Amino acid sequence: MKLVFVSLLLLLGLSSTSYSQNFNQLAATDAVSGSLKTLTGLAKEKGVLLIFHDPSCPFAKLYESRIKALKTKFEAQGIGFVLINPQAQNNESELNRFRAYIDESGLNMSYLIDEKQEWAQLFQVSKIPEGILLAPGKTGLAVVYKGAIDNNPQLESAVTEKYLEMALTQAVRGEKPAVPQVRAVGCNIRIY
């Protein structure tokens, strides 16, 4: 029995180590700048918020003003903001399309192309939009929140629970979010 328990602990330790090592290896092309960006390079002193996004998803469009408001409030407090599209191809026409989209929408943040869905798979994201908040931990960046932006994607004025805003507030204070995960609602990510 002890051997089984020790084996499970060892397995969990190895999986969490490889998980954090994979963070250091994550890189994708930014449609806005055309350059390769790494997760660690996008993080600021308090962390980084990844929002999986695709302009063809109606839920993503409904959340754009809320995403901009969160960026306005928390970027100056040390949180980096990044949009990631796991359904786009890394070619010149797609990069141009998303660059124009960022300019027109006023989102003004990096827009990464996750062509091989490495980011989506690593963070086990299945919906658009879905947020992943990473904050500095003892061994580097660690996921402190995963999931929904709030509890009403369709009507901003009817929101009663601002999950992501609460998690960001706590992360900026150096606290772990009280609610670390809430199931996201939105468009399913197409698996290639």
N, C-alpha and C. Protein backbone atom coordinates (compact mmCIF):
# COMPACT_ATOMS: atom_id res chain seq x y z
N MET A 1 0.82 -1.20 0.00
CA MET A 1 0.00 0.00 0.00
C MET A 1 0.87 1.26 0.00
N LYS A 2 1.92 1.23 0.84
CA LYS A 2 2.82 2.39 0.89
C LYS A 2 3.49 2.61 -0.46
N LEU A 3 3.85 1.52 -1.12
CA LEU A 3 4.52 1.62 -2.42
C LEU A 3 3.61 2.28 -3.45
N VAL A 4 2.32 1.93 -3.44
CA VAL A 4 1.36 2.54 -4.36
C VAL A 4 1.24 4.04 -4.08
N PHE A 5 1.15 4.39 -2.80
CA PHE A 5 1.03 5.80 -2.41
C PHE A 5 2.26 6.60 -2.83
N VAL A 6 3.45 6.06 -2.57
CA VAL A 6 4.70 6.74 -2.94
C VAL A 6 4.79 6.87 -4.46
N SER A 7 4.38 5.82 -5.17
CA SER A 7 4.40 5.87 -6.64
C SER A 7 3.48 6.96 -7.17
N LEU A 8 2.30 7.10 -6.58
CA LEU A 8 1.36 8.15 -6.99
C LEU A 8 1.94 9.54 -6.73
N LEU A 9 2.55 9.73 -5.57
CA LEU A 9 3.16 11.02 -5.25
C LEU A 9 4.27 11.36 -6.23
N LEU A 10 5.10 10.37 -6.55
CA LEU A 10 6.19 10.58 -7.51
C LEU A 10 5.63 10.95 -8.88
N LEU A 11 4.60 10.24 -9.31
CA LEU A 11 3.97 10.52 -10.60
C LEU A 11 3.40 11.93 -10.64
N LEU A 12 2.71 12.35 -9.58
CA LEU A 12 2.15 13.70 -9.52
C LEU A 12 3.26 14.75 -9.55
N GLY A 13 4.33 14.50 -8.84
CA GLY A 13 5.46 15.44 -8.84
C GLY A 13 6.08 15.58 -10.20
N LEU A 14 6.26 14.47 -10.90
CA LEU A 14 6.84 14.52 -12.24
C LEU A 14 5.92 15.21 -13.22
N SER A 15 4.61 14.97 -13.12
CA SER A 15 3.68 15.60 -14.05
C SER A 15 3.62 17.10 -13.83
N SER A 16 3.67 17.58 -12.59
CA SER A 16 3.63 19.02 -12.36
C SER A 16 4.93 19.68 -12.80
N THR A 17 6.06 18.96 -12.68
CA THR A 17 7.33 19.51 -13.15
C THR A 17 7.31 19.64 -14.66
N SER A 18 6.84 18.60 -15.36
CA SER A 18 6.82 18.70 -16.82
C SER A 18 5.82 19.74 -17.28
N TYR A 19 4.74 19.94 -16.53
CA TYR A 19 3.75 20.95 -16.86
C TYR A 19 4.38 22.34 -16.83
N SER A 20 5.14 22.66 -15.77
CA SER A 20 5.77 23.97 -15.69
C SER A 20 6.88 24.10 -16.71
N GLN A 21 7.60 23.02 -17.01
CA GLN A 21 8.64 23.09 -18.03
C GLN A 21 8.02 23.38 -19.39
N ASN A 22 6.84 22.84 -19.66
CA ASN A 22 6.17 23.10 -20.93
C ASN A 22 5.83 24.57 -21.09
N PHE A 23 5.57 25.28 -19.98
CA PHE A 23 5.29 26.71 -20.06
C PHE A 23 6.46 27.44 -20.72
N ASN A 24 7.68 27.06 -20.33
CA ASN A 24 8.86 27.72 -20.87
C ASN A 24 9.05 27.46 -22.35
N GLN A 25 8.48 26.38 -22.85
CA GLN A 25 8.63 26.02 -24.26
C GLN A 25 7.52 26.59 -25.14
N LEU A 26 6.47 27.14 -24.56
CA LEU A 26 5.36 27.65 -25.35
C LEU A 26 5.76 28.90 -26.12
N ALA A 27 5.48 28.87 -27.42
CA ALA A 27 5.73 30.03 -28.27
C ALA A 27 4.74 29.98 -29.42
N ALA A 28 4.35 31.16 -29.90
CA ALA A 28 3.43 31.25 -31.03
C ALA A 28 3.63 32.59 -31.72
N THR A 29 3.21 32.65 -32.97
CA THR A 29 3.32 33.87 -33.75
C THR A 29 2.23 34.86 -33.33
N ASP A 30 2.65 36.09 -33.10
CA ASP A 30 1.72 37.17 -32.77
C ASP A 30 1.29 37.83 -34.08
N ALA A 31 0.00 37.79 -34.36
CA ALA A 31 -0.52 38.38 -35.60
C ALA A 31 -0.30 39.88 -35.64
N VAL A 32 -0.25 40.53 -34.49
CA VAL A 32 -0.11 41.99 -34.44
C VAL A 32 1.30 42.40 -34.86
N SER A 33 2.32 41.78 -34.28
CA SER A 33 3.71 42.17 -34.56
C SER A 33 4.36 41.29 -35.62
N GLY A 34 3.81 40.10 -35.86
CA GLY A 34 4.41 39.16 -36.79
C GLY A 34 5.59 38.40 -36.19
N SER A 35 5.88 38.64 -34.92
CA SER A 35 7.03 37.99 -34.28
C SER A 35 6.60 36.81 -33.43
N LEU A 36 7.58 35.98 -33.09
CA LEU A 36 7.33 34.83 -32.22
C LEU A 36 7.35 35.31 -30.77
N LYS A 37 6.31 34.97 -30.03
CA LYS A 37 6.20 35.37 -28.62
C LYS A 37 6.20 34.12 -27.75
N THR A 38 6.83 34.24 -26.58
CA THR A 38 6.82 33.15 -25.61
C THR A 38 5.92 33.52 -24.44
N LEU A 39 5.42 32.52 -23.76
CA LEU A 39 4.56 32.77 -22.61
C LEU A 39 5.32 33.57 -21.55
N THR A 40 6.53 33.17 -21.24
CA THR A 40 7.28 33.88 -20.20
C THR A 40 7.61 35.31 -20.63
N GLY A 41 7.76 35.55 -21.92
CA GLY A 41 8.01 36.90 -22.40
C GLY A 41 6.78 37.80 -22.36
N LEU A 42 5.60 37.21 -22.34
CA LEU A 42 4.35 37.97 -22.30
C LEU A 42 3.89 38.30 -20.88
N ALA A 43 4.43 37.57 -19.91
CA ALA A 43 4.02 37.78 -18.52
C ALA A 43 4.62 39.07 -17.97
N LYS A 44 3.85 39.72 -17.12
CA LYS A 44 4.33 40.89 -16.40
C LYS A 44 4.61 40.47 -14.96
N GLU A 45 4.97 41.43 -14.10
CA GLU A 45 5.39 41.08 -12.74
C GLU A 45 4.34 40.35 -11.91
N LYS A 46 3.05 40.61 -12.14
CA LYS A 46 1.98 39.95 -11.36
C LYS A 46 1.38 38.75 -12.10
N GLY A 47 1.70 38.59 -13.40
CA GLY A 47 1.20 37.44 -14.13
C GLY A 47 0.77 37.77 -15.54
N VAL A 48 0.02 36.86 -16.12
CA VAL A 48 -0.47 37.02 -17.49
C VAL A 48 -1.83 36.34 -17.61
N LEU A 49 -2.73 36.99 -18.34
CA LEU A 49 -4.05 36.43 -18.61
C LEU A 49 -4.11 36.04 -20.08
N LEU A 50 -4.37 34.76 -20.33
CA LEU A 50 -4.57 34.25 -21.68
C LEU A 50 -6.06 34.10 -21.89
N ILE A 51 -6.55 34.68 -22.98
CA ILE A 51 -7.98 34.51 -23.30
C ILE A 51 -8.06 33.85 -24.67
N PHE A 52 -8.60 32.64 -24.69
CA PHE A 52 -8.76 31.93 -25.95
C PHE A 52 -9.95 32.54 -26.68
N HIS A 53 -9.70 32.90 -27.95
CA HIS A 53 -10.59 33.81 -28.65
C HIS A 53 -10.63 33.47 -30.14
N ASP A 54 -11.73 33.75 -30.77
CA ASP A 54 -11.86 33.68 -32.22
C ASP A 54 -12.98 34.63 -32.60
N PRO A 55 -12.73 35.60 -33.48
CA PRO A 55 -13.76 36.57 -33.84
C PRO A 55 -14.99 35.95 -34.50
N SER A 56 -14.86 34.72 -35.00
CA SER A 56 -16.03 34.08 -35.62
C SER A 56 -16.98 33.49 -34.57
N CYS A 57 -16.57 33.47 -33.31
CA CYS A 57 -17.43 32.97 -32.24
C CYS A 57 -18.27 34.11 -31.69
N PRO A 58 -19.60 34.00 -31.74
CA PRO A 58 -20.46 35.08 -31.24
C PRO A 58 -20.25 35.38 -29.75
N PHE A 59 -19.91 34.37 -28.96
CA PHE A 59 -19.66 34.59 -27.53
C PHE A 59 -18.42 35.48 -27.33
N ALA A 60 -17.40 35.26 -28.15
CA ALA A 60 -16.18 36.08 -28.05
C ALA A 60 -16.51 37.54 -28.36
N LYS A 61 -17.35 37.75 -29.34
CA LYS A 61 -17.76 39.12 -29.70
C LYS A 61 -18.53 39.77 -28.55
N LEU A 62 -19.40 39.00 -27.89
CA LEU A 62 -20.18 39.54 -26.78
C LEU A 62 -19.30 39.98 -25.61
N TYR A 63 -18.15 39.36 -25.46
CA TYR A 63 -17.27 39.65 -24.33
C TYR A 63 -16.22 40.73 -24.61
N GLU A 64 -16.13 41.23 -25.81
CA GLU A 64 -15.04 42.14 -26.14
C GLU A 64 -14.98 43.40 -25.28
N SER A 65 -16.11 44.01 -24.99
CA SER A 65 -16.07 45.23 -24.16
C SER A 65 -15.62 44.89 -22.74
N ARG A 66 -16.01 43.72 -22.25
CA ARG A 66 -15.59 43.30 -20.90
C ARG A 66 -14.10 42.98 -20.86
N ILE A 67 -13.58 42.38 -21.93
CA ILE A 67 -12.14 42.10 -22.01
C ILE A 67 -11.36 43.41 -22.01
N LYS A 68 -11.82 44.38 -22.79
CA LYS A 68 -11.15 45.69 -22.82
C LYS A 68 -11.18 46.36 -21.45
N ALA A 69 -12.30 46.26 -20.76
CA ALA A 69 -12.41 46.87 -19.43
C ALA A 69 -11.46 46.20 -18.43
N LEU A 70 -11.34 44.88 -18.50
CA LEU A 70 -10.40 44.17 -17.62
C LEU A 70 -8.96 44.58 -17.92
N LYS A 71 -8.65 44.70 -19.19
CA LYS A 71 -7.29 45.11 -19.58
C LYS A 71 -6.99 46.51 -19.06
N THR A 72 -7.93 47.42 -19.23
CA THR A 72 -7.76 48.79 -18.75
C THR A 72 -7.52 48.82 -17.24
N LYS A 73 -8.26 48.00 -16.52
CA LYS A 73 -8.16 48.00 -15.06
C LYS A 73 -6.90 47.30 -14.53
N PHE A 74 -6.49 46.19 -15.16
CA PHE A 74 -5.46 45.35 -14.55
C PHE A 74 -4.09 45.39 -15.23
N GLU A 75 -4.00 45.88 -16.44
CA GLU A 75 -2.69 45.91 -17.10
C GLU A 75 -1.72 46.82 -16.33
N ALA A 76 -2.20 47.97 -15.89
CA ALA A 76 -1.35 48.90 -15.13
C ALA A 76 -0.96 48.35 -13.77
N GLN A 77 -1.68 47.32 -13.31
CA GLN A 77 -1.38 46.70 -12.02
C GLN A 77 -0.44 45.50 -12.15
N GLY A 78 0.09 45.27 -13.37
CA GLY A 78 1.10 44.24 -13.54
C GLY A 78 0.64 42.93 -14.14
N ILE A 79 -0.48 42.93 -14.86
CA ILE A 79 -0.97 41.72 -15.53
C ILE A 79 -0.85 41.91 -17.04
N GLY A 80 -0.21 40.96 -17.71
CA GLY A 80 -0.15 40.96 -19.16
C GLY A 80 -1.43 40.37 -19.74
N PHE A 81 -1.84 40.85 -20.91
CA PHE A 81 -3.06 40.37 -21.56
C PHE A 81 -2.74 39.87 -22.95
N VAL A 82 -3.26 38.67 -23.28
CA VAL A 82 -2.98 38.03 -24.56
C VAL A 82 -4.24 37.31 -25.05
N LEU A 83 -4.56 37.48 -26.32
CA LEU A 83 -5.61 36.69 -26.96
C LEU A 83 -4.92 35.56 -27.72
N ILE A 84 -5.54 34.38 -27.72
CA ILE A 84 -4.97 33.23 -28.42
C ILE A 84 -6.06 32.59 -29.26
N ASN A 85 -5.77 32.40 -30.55
CA ASN A 85 -6.74 31.77 -31.44
C ASN A 85 -6.26 30.36 -31.77
N PRO A 86 -6.95 29.32 -31.24
CA PRO A 86 -6.56 27.94 -31.51
C PRO A 86 -7.20 27.37 -32.78
N GLN A 87 -7.84 28.22 -33.57
CA GLN A 87 -8.54 27.74 -34.76
C GLN A 87 -8.03 28.42 -36.03
N ALA A 88 -6.90 29.11 -35.94
CA ALA A 88 -6.38 29.85 -37.08
C ALA A 88 -5.13 29.19 -37.62
N GLN A 89 -4.83 29.49 -38.86
CA GLN A 89 -3.61 29.02 -39.51
C GLN A 89 -2.58 30.15 -39.50
N ASN A 90 -1.33 29.76 -39.42
CA ASN A 90 -0.24 30.73 -39.39
C ASN A 90 0.24 31.01 -40.81
N ASN A 91 -0.54 31.81 -41.53
CA ASN A 91 -0.14 32.22 -42.88
C ASN A 91 -0.39 33.72 -43.02
N GLU A 92 0.15 34.31 -44.04
CA GLU A 92 0.11 35.77 -44.18
C GLU A 92 -1.31 36.33 -44.24
N SER A 93 -2.22 35.64 -44.93
CA SER A 93 -3.58 36.18 -45.04
C SER A 93 -4.28 36.16 -43.68
N GLU A 94 -4.08 35.10 -42.88
CA GLU A 94 -4.68 35.05 -41.54
C GLU A 94 -4.06 36.12 -40.64
N LEU A 95 -2.73 36.26 -40.70
CA LEU A 95 -2.07 37.28 -39.87
C LEU A 95 -2.61 38.67 -40.20
N ASN A 96 -2.75 38.96 -41.48
CA ASN A 96 -3.28 40.26 -41.89
C ASN A 96 -4.72 40.46 -41.41
N ARG A 97 -5.52 39.39 -41.52
CA ARG A 97 -6.92 39.47 -41.09
C ARG A 97 -7.02 39.76 -39.59
N PHE A 98 -6.24 39.08 -38.78
CA PHE A 98 -6.30 39.29 -37.33
C PHE A 98 -5.66 40.61 -36.93
N ARG A 99 -4.63 41.03 -37.63
CA ARG A 99 -4.02 42.34 -37.36
C ARG A 99 -5.05 43.44 -37.59
N ALA A 100 -5.80 43.35 -38.69
CA ALA A 100 -6.85 44.34 -38.97
C ALA A 100 -7.96 44.25 -37.93
N TYR A 101 -8.30 43.04 -37.52
CA TYR A 101 -9.34 42.85 -36.52
C TYR A 101 -8.96 43.51 -35.19
N ILE A 102 -7.74 43.33 -34.75
CA ILE A 102 -7.28 43.94 -33.50
C ILE A 102 -7.34 45.46 -33.62
N ASP A 103 -6.93 46.00 -34.74
CA ASP A 103 -6.99 47.46 -34.94
C ASP A 103 -8.43 47.97 -34.90
N GLU A 104 -9.33 47.28 -35.59
CA GLU A 104 -10.73 47.72 -35.67
C GLU A 104 -11.47 47.55 -34.34
N SER A 105 -11.18 46.47 -33.61
CA SER A 105 -11.91 46.17 -32.38
C SER A 105 -11.43 47.00 -31.19
N GLY A 106 -10.23 47.53 -31.27
CA GLY A 106 -9.68 48.29 -30.15
C GLY A 106 -9.19 47.42 -29.01
N LEU A 107 -9.01 46.12 -29.24
CA LEU A 107 -8.55 45.23 -28.18
C LEU A 107 -7.08 45.51 -27.79
N ASN A 108 -6.27 45.92 -28.73
CA ASN A 108 -4.89 46.38 -28.47
C ASN A 108 -4.09 45.47 -27.55
N MET A 109 -3.93 44.23 -27.96
CA MET A 109 -3.07 43.29 -27.23
C MET A 109 -2.54 42.27 -28.22
N SER A 110 -1.57 41.49 -27.79
CA SER A 110 -1.04 40.44 -28.65
C SER A 110 -2.16 39.46 -29.02
N TYR A 111 -2.09 38.96 -30.25
CA TYR A 111 -3.07 38.00 -30.74
C TYR A 111 -2.29 36.81 -31.31
N LEU A 112 -2.15 35.77 -30.50
CA LEU A 112 -1.33 34.63 -30.87
C LEU A 112 -2.10 33.61 -31.70
N ILE A 113 -1.40 33.02 -32.65
CA ILE A 113 -1.97 31.98 -33.50
C ILE A 113 -1.48 30.63 -32.98
N ASP A 114 -2.39 29.87 -32.39
CA ASP A 114 -2.08 28.55 -31.83
C ASP A 114 -2.41 27.49 -32.87
N GLU A 115 -1.68 27.52 -33.98
CA GLU A 115 -1.99 26.70 -35.15
C GLU A 115 -2.04 25.20 -34.83
N LYS A 116 -1.14 24.72 -34.01
CA LYS A 116 -1.10 23.29 -33.68
C LYS A 116 -1.86 22.97 -32.39
N GLN A 117 -2.53 23.96 -31.85
CA GLN A 117 -3.34 23.85 -30.64
C GLN A 117 -2.53 23.36 -29.43
N GLU A 118 -1.25 23.71 -29.41
CA GLU A 118 -0.39 23.33 -28.28
C GLU A 118 -0.82 24.04 -27.00
N TRP A 119 -1.13 25.32 -27.11
CA TRP A 119 -1.54 26.09 -25.93
C TRP A 119 -2.88 25.57 -25.41
N ALA A 120 -3.82 25.38 -26.33
CA ALA A 120 -5.16 24.90 -25.93
C ALA A 120 -5.07 23.53 -25.28
N GLN A 121 -4.24 22.66 -25.81
CA GLN A 121 -4.11 21.31 -25.24
C GLN A 121 -3.41 21.36 -23.89
N LEU A 122 -2.34 22.12 -23.77
CA LEU A 122 -1.62 22.18 -22.50
C LEU A 122 -2.51 22.68 -21.37
N PHE A 123 -3.32 23.71 -21.65
CA PHE A 123 -4.19 24.28 -20.62
C PHE A 123 -5.57 23.62 -20.59
N GLN A 124 -5.79 22.62 -21.45
CA GLN A 124 -7.05 21.87 -21.53
C GLN A 124 -8.25 22.80 -21.71
N VAL A 125 -8.12 23.69 -22.66
CA VAL A 125 -9.18 24.65 -22.98
C VAL A 125 -10.09 24.03 -24.03
N SER A 126 -11.39 24.15 -23.84
CA SER A 126 -12.33 23.58 -24.80
C SER A 126 -13.34 24.60 -25.33
N LYS A 127 -13.36 25.79 -24.75
CA LYS A 127 -14.36 26.80 -25.14
C LYS A 127 -13.70 28.11 -25.55
N ILE A 128 -14.43 28.87 -26.33
CA ILE A 128 -14.05 30.24 -26.70
C ILE A 128 -15.22 31.12 -26.31
N PRO A 129 -15.02 32.13 -25.48
CA PRO A 129 -13.78 32.51 -24.82
C PRO A 129 -13.61 31.74 -23.51
N GLU A 130 -12.36 31.51 -23.16
CA GLU A 130 -12.02 30.90 -21.88
C GLU A 130 -10.72 31.55 -21.41
N GLY A 131 -10.68 31.91 -20.13
CA GLY A 131 -9.52 32.59 -19.57
C GLY A 131 -8.63 31.66 -18.77
N ILE A 132 -7.33 31.88 -18.88
CA ILE A 132 -6.33 31.18 -18.08
C ILE A 132 -5.47 32.26 -17.44
N LEU A 133 -5.51 32.36 -16.13
CA LEU A 133 -4.71 33.34 -15.41
C LEU A 133 -3.52 32.63 -14.78
N LEU A 134 -2.33 33.09 -15.13
CA LEU A 134 -1.10 32.54 -14.58
C LEU A 134 -0.43 33.60 -13.72
N ALA A 135 0.04 33.19 -12.56
CA ALA A 135 0.73 34.10 -11.64
C ALA A 135 2.06 33.47 -11.25
N PRO A 136 3.02 34.31 -10.87
CA PRO A 136 4.31 33.75 -10.44
C PRO A 136 4.15 32.86 -9.21
N GLY A 137 4.80 31.71 -9.26
CA GLY A 137 4.78 30.78 -8.13
C GLY A 137 6.21 30.46 -7.74
N LYS A 138 6.37 29.46 -6.90
CA LYS A 138 7.71 29.08 -6.42
C LYS A 138 8.61 28.58 -7.54
N THR A 139 8.03 27.93 -8.54
CA THR A 139 8.85 27.36 -9.62
C THR A 139 8.55 28.01 -10.98
N GLY A 140 8.03 29.22 -10.98
CA GLY A 140 7.69 29.90 -12.22
C GLY A 140 6.20 30.17 -12.28
N LEU A 141 5.71 30.37 -13.49
CA LEU A 141 4.28 30.65 -13.66
C LEU A 141 3.42 29.44 -13.32
N ALA A 142 2.30 29.70 -12.66
CA ALA A 142 1.36 28.64 -12.30
C ALA A 142 -0.06 29.10 -12.59
N VAL A 143 -0.90 28.19 -13.04
CA VAL A 143 -2.30 28.50 -13.30
C VAL A 143 -3.00 28.73 -11.96
N VAL A 144 -3.60 29.91 -11.81
CA VAL A 144 -4.34 30.20 -10.58
C VAL A 144 -5.84 30.33 -10.83
N TYR A 145 -6.23 30.50 -12.10
CA TYR A 145 -7.66 30.53 -12.44
C TYR A 145 -7.81 30.02 -13.87
N LYS A 146 -8.90 29.27 -14.09
CA LYS A 146 -9.22 28.75 -15.42
C LYS A 146 -10.73 28.78 -15.58
N GLY A 147 -11.20 29.39 -16.68
CA GLY A 147 -12.61 29.28 -16.95
C GLY A 147 -13.31 30.52 -17.46
N ALA A 148 -14.54 30.67 -17.00
CA ALA A 148 -15.46 31.70 -17.48
C ALA A 148 -15.03 33.10 -17.07
N ILE A 149 -15.41 34.07 -17.87
CA ILE A 149 -15.16 35.48 -17.56
C ILE A 149 -16.16 35.94 -16.50
N ASP A 150 -17.42 35.60 -16.70
CA ASP A 150 -18.47 35.92 -15.72
C ASP A 150 -19.64 34.97 -15.91
N ASN A 151 -20.75 35.24 -15.27
CA ASN A 151 -21.86 34.29 -15.32
C ASN A 151 -22.97 34.65 -16.31
N ASN A 152 -22.74 35.62 -17.20
CA ASN A 152 -23.75 35.92 -18.21
C ASN A 152 -23.11 36.39 -19.50
N PRO A 153 -22.82 35.47 -20.42
CA PRO A 153 -22.17 35.86 -21.66
C PRO A 153 -23.04 36.74 -22.56
N GLN A 154 -24.34 36.60 -22.46
CA GLN A 154 -25.20 37.28 -23.41
C GLN A 154 -25.56 38.70 -23.03
N LEU A 155 -25.65 39.00 -21.74
CA LEU A 155 -26.11 40.31 -21.33
C LEU A 155 -25.22 40.85 -20.20
N GLU A 156 -24.34 41.75 -20.56
CA GLU A 156 -23.39 42.29 -19.60
C GLU A 156 -24.08 42.93 -18.40
N SER A 157 -25.19 43.60 -18.62
CA SER A 157 -25.89 44.27 -17.52
C SER A 157 -26.53 43.29 -16.53
N ALA A 158 -26.65 42.03 -16.91
CA ALA A 158 -27.25 41.03 -16.02
C ALA A 158 -26.21 40.19 -15.28
N VAL A 159 -24.93 40.53 -15.41
CA VAL A 159 -23.87 39.78 -14.73
C VAL A 159 -23.97 39.98 -13.23
N THR A 160 -23.93 38.88 -12.49
CA THR A 160 -23.95 38.95 -11.02
C THR A 160 -22.67 38.39 -10.41
N GLU A 161 -21.90 37.61 -11.17
CA GLU A 161 -20.65 37.02 -10.69
C GLU A 161 -19.54 37.31 -11.70
N LYS A 162 -18.57 38.11 -11.32
CA LYS A 162 -17.44 38.45 -12.19
C LYS A 162 -16.24 37.61 -11.79
N TYR A 163 -16.25 36.34 -12.20
CA TYR A 163 -15.25 35.37 -11.78
C TYR A 163 -13.82 35.82 -12.12
N LEU A 164 -13.60 36.21 -13.35
CA LEU A 164 -12.25 36.55 -13.79
C LEU A 164 -11.77 37.83 -13.10
N GLU A 165 -12.63 38.81 -12.96
CA GLU A 165 -12.24 40.05 -12.28
C GLU A 165 -11.87 39.78 -10.82
N MET A 166 -12.61 38.91 -10.15
CA MET A 166 -12.28 38.55 -8.76
C MET A 166 -10.93 37.85 -8.70
N ALA A 167 -10.68 36.93 -9.63
CA ALA A 167 -9.40 36.22 -9.66
C ALA A 167 -8.25 37.17 -9.93
N LEU A 168 -8.44 38.11 -10.85
CA LEU A 168 -7.40 39.11 -11.15
C LEU A 168 -7.11 39.99 -9.94
N THR A 169 -8.15 40.43 -9.26
CA THR A 169 -7.99 41.27 -8.07
C THR A 169 -7.17 40.53 -7.01
N GLN A 170 -7.49 39.28 -6.78
CA GLN A 170 -6.76 38.50 -5.77
C GLN A 170 -5.33 38.23 -6.21
N ALA A 171 -5.11 37.95 -7.49
CA ALA A 171 -3.76 37.68 -7.99
C ALA A 171 -2.87 38.93 -7.88
N VAL A 172 -3.43 40.10 -8.15
CA VAL A 172 -2.66 41.35 -8.03
C VAL A 172 -2.23 41.57 -6.59
N ARG A 173 -3.06 41.16 -5.65
CA ARG A 173 -2.73 41.28 -4.22
C ARG A 173 -1.74 40.21 -3.75
N GLY A 174 -1.42 39.26 -4.65
CA GLY A 174 -0.53 38.16 -4.27
C GLY A 174 -1.25 37.00 -3.61
N GLU A 175 -2.58 36.98 -3.71
CA GLU A 175 -3.39 35.92 -3.11
C GLU A 175 -3.79 34.91 -4.18
N LYS A 176 -4.09 33.71 -3.74
CA LYS A 176 -4.65 32.70 -4.65
C LYS A 176 -6.14 32.99 -4.77
N PRO A 177 -6.68 32.95 -5.99
CA PRO A 177 -8.12 33.17 -6.14
C PRO A 177 -8.95 32.18 -5.33
N ALA A 178 -9.98 32.70 -4.68
CA ALA A 178 -10.87 31.87 -3.86
C ALA A 178 -11.60 30.84 -4.73
N VAL A 179 -11.91 31.21 -5.95
CA VAL A 179 -12.56 30.30 -6.90
C VAL A 179 -11.57 30.07 -8.03
N PRO A 180 -10.87 28.93 -8.05
CA PRO A 180 -9.82 28.72 -9.05
C PRO A 180 -10.31 28.24 -10.41
N GLN A 181 -11.56 27.78 -10.49
CA GLN A 181 -12.06 27.27 -11.78
C GLN A 181 -13.57 27.39 -11.85
N VAL A 182 -14.04 27.87 -13.01
CA VAL A 182 -15.48 27.93 -13.30
C VAL A 182 -15.65 27.49 -14.76
N ARG A 183 -16.56 26.59 -14.99
CA ARG A 183 -16.79 26.09 -16.35
C ARG A 183 -17.12 27.23 -17.30
N ALA A 184 -16.38 27.29 -18.39
CA ALA A 184 -16.60 28.33 -19.39
C ALA A 184 -17.78 27.95 -20.29
N VAL A 185 -18.47 28.96 -20.77
CA VAL A 185 -19.58 28.79 -21.71
C VAL A 185 -19.20 29.53 -22.98
N GLY A 186 -19.41 28.89 -24.12
CA GLY A 186 -19.07 29.54 -25.38
C GLY A 186 -19.06 28.56 -26.52
N CYS A 187 -18.28 28.90 -27.54
CA CYS A 187 -18.15 28.04 -28.72
C CYS A 187 -17.14 26.94 -28.44
N ASN A 188 -17.43 25.74 -28.91
CA ASN A 188 -16.47 24.64 -28.78
C ASN A 188 -15.29 24.88 -29.70
N ILE A 189 -14.10 24.55 -29.20
CA ILE A 189 -12.90 24.65 -30.05
C ILE A 189 -12.90 23.46 -30.99
N ARG A 190 -12.73 23.76 -32.28
CA ARG A 190 -12.64 22.70 -33.27
C ARG A 190 -11.28 22.03 -33.13
N ILE A 191 -11.27 20.73 -33.08
CA ILE A 191 -10.02 19.97 -33.00
C ILE A 191 -9.63 19.55 -34.41
N TYR A 192 -8.41 19.88 -34.79
CA TYR A 192 -7.94 19.53 -36.15
C TYR A 192 -7.37 18.14 -36.18
